[in-house]
N, C-alpha and C. Protein backbone atom coordinates (compact mmCIF):
# COMPACT_ATOMS: atom_id res chain seq x y z
N MET A 1 -112.33 127.62 211.56
CA MET A 1 -111.74 127.63 210.22
C MET A 1 -110.22 127.45 210.34
N LEU A 2 -109.65 126.80 209.35
CA LEU A 2 -108.20 126.59 209.32
C LEU A 2 -107.46 127.90 209.10
N SER A 3 -106.29 127.99 209.65
CA SER A 3 -105.40 129.10 209.32
C SER A 3 -104.64 128.72 208.04
N CYS A 4 -103.99 129.69 207.44
CA CYS A 4 -103.20 129.41 206.24
C CYS A 4 -102.09 128.41 206.55
N LYS A 5 -101.48 128.55 207.71
CA LYS A 5 -100.41 127.64 208.11
C LYS A 5 -100.94 126.20 208.24
N GLU A 6 -102.13 126.05 208.80
CA GLU A 6 -102.73 124.72 208.93
C GLU A 6 -103.08 124.15 207.56
N LEU A 7 -103.55 124.99 206.66
CA LEU A 7 -103.88 124.52 205.32
C LEU A 7 -102.64 123.99 204.62
N VAL A 8 -101.53 124.72 204.74
CA VAL A 8 -100.28 124.27 204.12
C VAL A 8 -99.88 122.92 204.70
N ALA A 9 -100.05 122.73 206.00
CA ALA A 9 -99.69 121.47 206.64
C ALA A 9 -100.55 120.32 206.13
N HIS A 10 -101.79 120.60 205.73
CA HIS A 10 -102.71 119.56 205.25
C HIS A 10 -102.71 119.44 203.72
N SER A 11 -101.99 120.31 203.02
CA SER A 11 -102.12 120.40 201.57
C SER A 11 -101.78 119.10 200.84
N SER A 12 -100.71 118.44 201.22
CA SER A 12 -100.33 117.20 200.52
C SER A 12 -101.38 116.13 200.71
N ASP A 13 -101.85 115.98 201.94
CA ASP A 13 -102.90 114.98 202.20
C ASP A 13 -104.19 115.34 201.46
N PHE A 14 -104.50 116.63 201.37
CA PHE A 14 -105.67 117.07 200.63
C PHE A 14 -105.56 116.70 199.16
N LEU A 15 -104.41 117.01 198.56
CA LEU A 15 -104.22 116.73 197.14
C LEU A 15 -104.16 115.24 196.85
N ASP A 16 -103.71 114.45 197.83
CA ASP A 16 -103.64 113.00 197.65
C ASP A 16 -104.95 112.30 198.03
N GLY A 17 -105.94 113.08 198.47
CA GLY A 17 -107.24 112.50 198.82
C GLY A 17 -107.20 111.69 200.10
N GLN A 18 -106.36 112.08 201.04
CA GLN A 18 -106.19 111.29 202.25
C GLN A 18 -106.78 111.96 203.49
N LEU A 19 -107.62 112.95 203.32
CA LEU A 19 -108.23 113.62 204.46
C LEU A 19 -109.62 113.05 204.73
N SER A 20 -110.04 113.15 205.98
CA SER A 20 -111.40 112.75 206.33
C SER A 20 -112.37 113.76 205.74
N PHE A 21 -113.64 113.43 205.78
CA PHE A 21 -114.67 114.34 205.26
C PHE A 21 -114.59 115.68 205.98
N ARG A 22 -114.49 115.66 207.29
CA ARG A 22 -114.45 116.89 208.09
C ARG A 22 -113.22 117.73 207.73
N GLU A 23 -112.06 117.08 207.56
CA GLU A 23 -110.84 117.81 207.20
C GLU A 23 -110.94 118.41 205.80
N ARG A 24 -111.49 117.63 204.85
CA ARG A 24 -111.69 118.15 203.49
C ARG A 24 -112.62 119.36 203.50
N LEU A 25 -113.67 119.28 204.30
CA LEU A 25 -114.61 120.38 204.39
C LEU A 25 -113.93 121.63 204.95
N ALA A 26 -113.08 121.45 205.96
CA ALA A 26 -112.35 122.59 206.54
C ALA A 26 -111.40 123.20 205.51
N VAL A 27 -110.71 122.36 204.74
CA VAL A 27 -109.79 122.86 203.70
C VAL A 27 -110.57 123.60 202.63
N ARG A 28 -111.67 123.02 202.16
CA ARG A 28 -112.46 123.66 201.11
C ARG A 28 -113.07 124.98 201.57
N THR A 29 -113.49 125.03 202.83
CA THR A 29 -114.03 126.28 203.38
C THR A 29 -112.95 127.36 203.38
N HIS A 30 -111.77 127.00 203.81
CA HIS A 30 -110.66 127.96 203.83
C HIS A 30 -110.34 128.42 202.40
N LEU A 31 -110.27 127.47 201.47
CA LEU A 31 -109.95 127.82 200.08
C LEU A 31 -111.00 128.74 199.48
N ALA A 32 -112.26 128.59 199.89
CA ALA A 32 -113.33 129.45 199.37
C ALA A 32 -113.11 130.90 199.79
N MET A 33 -112.42 131.11 200.91
CA MET A 33 -112.25 132.46 201.44
C MET A 33 -110.85 133.04 201.22
N CYS A 34 -109.86 132.22 200.87
CA CYS A 34 -108.48 132.70 200.85
C CYS A 34 -107.86 132.51 199.46
N ARG A 35 -107.71 133.61 198.74
CA ARG A 35 -107.16 133.52 197.38
C ARG A 35 -105.69 133.11 197.39
N HIS A 36 -104.96 133.46 198.43
CA HIS A 36 -103.55 133.10 198.51
C HIS A 36 -103.39 131.58 198.61
N CYS A 37 -104.22 130.96 199.41
CA CYS A 37 -104.15 129.51 199.55
C CYS A 37 -104.67 128.80 198.30
N ARG A 38 -105.66 129.40 197.63
CA ARG A 38 -106.11 128.83 196.35
C ARG A 38 -104.96 128.82 195.36
N ARG A 39 -104.21 129.91 195.31
CA ARG A 39 -103.04 130.00 194.42
C ARG A 39 -102.00 128.95 194.81
N PHE A 40 -101.78 128.80 196.12
CA PHE A 40 -100.81 127.81 196.61
C PHE A 40 -101.22 126.40 196.17
N ILE A 41 -102.49 126.05 196.32
CA ILE A 41 -102.97 124.72 195.93
C ILE A 41 -102.85 124.54 194.42
N ARG A 42 -103.14 125.57 193.63
CA ARG A 42 -102.96 125.47 192.17
C ARG A 42 -101.50 125.20 191.83
N GLN A 43 -100.58 125.89 192.51
CA GLN A 43 -99.16 125.68 192.27
C GLN A 43 -98.74 124.27 192.68
N MET A 44 -99.28 123.77 193.77
CA MET A 44 -98.98 122.40 194.20
C MET A 44 -99.47 121.38 193.17
N ARG A 45 -100.67 121.60 192.65
CA ARG A 45 -101.21 120.69 191.62
C ARG A 45 -100.35 120.72 190.36
N LEU A 46 -99.91 121.90 189.98
CA LEU A 46 -99.03 122.03 188.81
C LEU A 46 -97.71 121.31 189.06
N SER A 47 -97.15 121.47 190.24
CA SER A 47 -95.89 120.79 190.59
C SER A 47 -96.06 119.28 190.52
N GLN A 48 -97.17 118.77 191.05
CA GLN A 48 -97.43 117.33 190.99
C GLN A 48 -97.52 116.86 189.54
N ALA A 49 -98.20 117.63 188.70
CA ALA A 49 -98.34 117.24 187.29
C ALA A 49 -96.99 117.21 186.59
N VAL A 50 -96.15 118.19 186.87
CA VAL A 50 -94.81 118.22 186.26
C VAL A 50 -93.99 117.03 186.73
N LEU A 51 -94.02 116.76 188.02
CA LEU A 51 -93.25 115.63 188.56
C LEU A 51 -93.71 114.30 187.98
N ARG A 52 -95.01 114.16 187.74
CA ARG A 52 -95.51 112.91 187.14
C ARG A 52 -94.98 112.70 185.73
N ARG A 53 -94.68 113.78 185.04
CA ARG A 53 -94.21 113.68 183.65
C ARG A 53 -92.70 113.46 183.53
N LEU A 54 -91.98 113.58 184.62
CA LEU A 54 -90.53 113.36 184.57
C LEU A 54 -90.25 111.89 184.26
N PRO A 55 -89.19 111.63 183.51
CA PRO A 55 -88.85 110.24 183.20
C PRO A 55 -88.38 109.50 184.45
N ASP A 56 -88.62 108.19 184.45
CA ASP A 56 -88.21 107.36 185.59
C ASP A 56 -86.70 107.14 185.62
N THR A 57 -86.08 107.10 184.46
CA THR A 57 -84.64 106.86 184.40
C THR A 57 -83.90 108.18 184.24
N PRO A 58 -82.75 108.32 184.89
CA PRO A 58 -82.00 109.57 184.76
C PRO A 58 -81.49 109.77 183.33
N ILE A 59 -81.43 111.00 182.93
CA ILE A 59 -80.93 111.35 181.60
C ILE A 59 -79.59 112.05 181.78
N PRO A 60 -78.48 111.45 181.34
CA PRO A 60 -77.15 112.02 181.58
C PRO A 60 -77.00 113.43 181.05
N GLU A 61 -77.62 113.74 179.92
CA GLU A 61 -77.50 115.08 179.35
C GLU A 61 -78.06 116.14 180.29
N LEU A 62 -79.13 115.78 181.02
CA LEU A 62 -79.72 116.74 181.95
C LEU A 62 -78.79 117.02 183.12
N ASP A 63 -78.10 115.99 183.60
CA ASP A 63 -77.14 116.19 184.69
C ASP A 63 -76.01 117.11 184.24
N ALA A 64 -75.52 116.90 183.03
CA ALA A 64 -74.44 117.75 182.51
C ALA A 64 -74.93 119.18 182.33
N LEU A 65 -76.14 119.34 181.80
CA LEU A 65 -76.71 120.68 181.63
C LEU A 65 -76.89 121.36 182.98
N SER A 66 -77.37 120.64 183.95
CA SER A 66 -77.57 121.20 185.28
C SER A 66 -76.25 121.67 185.89
N ALA A 67 -75.23 120.87 185.76
CA ALA A 67 -73.90 121.23 186.29
C ALA A 67 -73.36 122.46 185.58
N ARG A 68 -73.54 122.53 184.26
CA ARG A 68 -73.06 123.68 183.51
C ARG A 68 -73.80 124.96 183.90
N LEU A 69 -75.11 124.87 184.07
CA LEU A 69 -75.89 126.04 184.47
C LEU A 69 -75.54 126.49 185.89
N ALA A 70 -75.30 125.54 186.79
CA ALA A 70 -74.91 125.89 188.16
C ALA A 70 -73.57 126.60 188.16
N LYS A 71 -72.63 126.11 187.35
CA LYS A 71 -71.32 126.74 187.27
C LYS A 71 -71.45 128.15 186.70
N GLN A 72 -72.25 128.30 185.67
CA GLN A 72 -72.44 129.61 185.06
C GLN A 72 -73.07 130.58 186.07
N ARG A 73 -74.01 130.11 186.85
CA ARG A 73 -74.64 130.97 187.86
C ARG A 73 -73.63 131.39 188.91
N ARG A 74 -72.80 130.45 189.37
CA ARG A 74 -71.76 130.79 190.35
C ARG A 74 -70.78 131.82 189.76
N ASP A 75 -70.39 131.61 188.52
CA ASP A 75 -69.47 132.54 187.86
C ASP A 75 -70.10 133.93 187.74
N ASP A 76 -71.40 133.98 187.42
CA ASP A 76 -72.09 135.27 187.28
C ASP A 76 -72.18 135.98 188.62
N LEU A 77 -72.36 135.24 189.69
CA LEU A 77 -72.46 135.85 191.03
C LEU A 77 -71.12 136.42 191.49
N VAL A 78 -70.04 135.78 191.08
CA VAL A 78 -68.70 136.23 191.48
C VAL A 78 -68.32 137.50 190.73
N SER A 79 -68.69 137.59 189.46
CA SER A 79 -68.28 138.76 188.66
C SER A 79 -69.18 139.94 188.83
């Protein structure tokens, strides 16, 4: 059976459908027994879904917002 560390190493290929039958079976067997890795795979699937919804072109307002939030966080850490 795969270890958790091995599952993490195979997770992207698993989610992309790029594993052999034997590798998929090993991942699925591990997931059936390990709730932590099931949670990890759910989080990975959610991350993929969010990334797919991001716009292809950059949005200038988001860059400005990001810079402002980063500055505010730095200021909060200093005070």
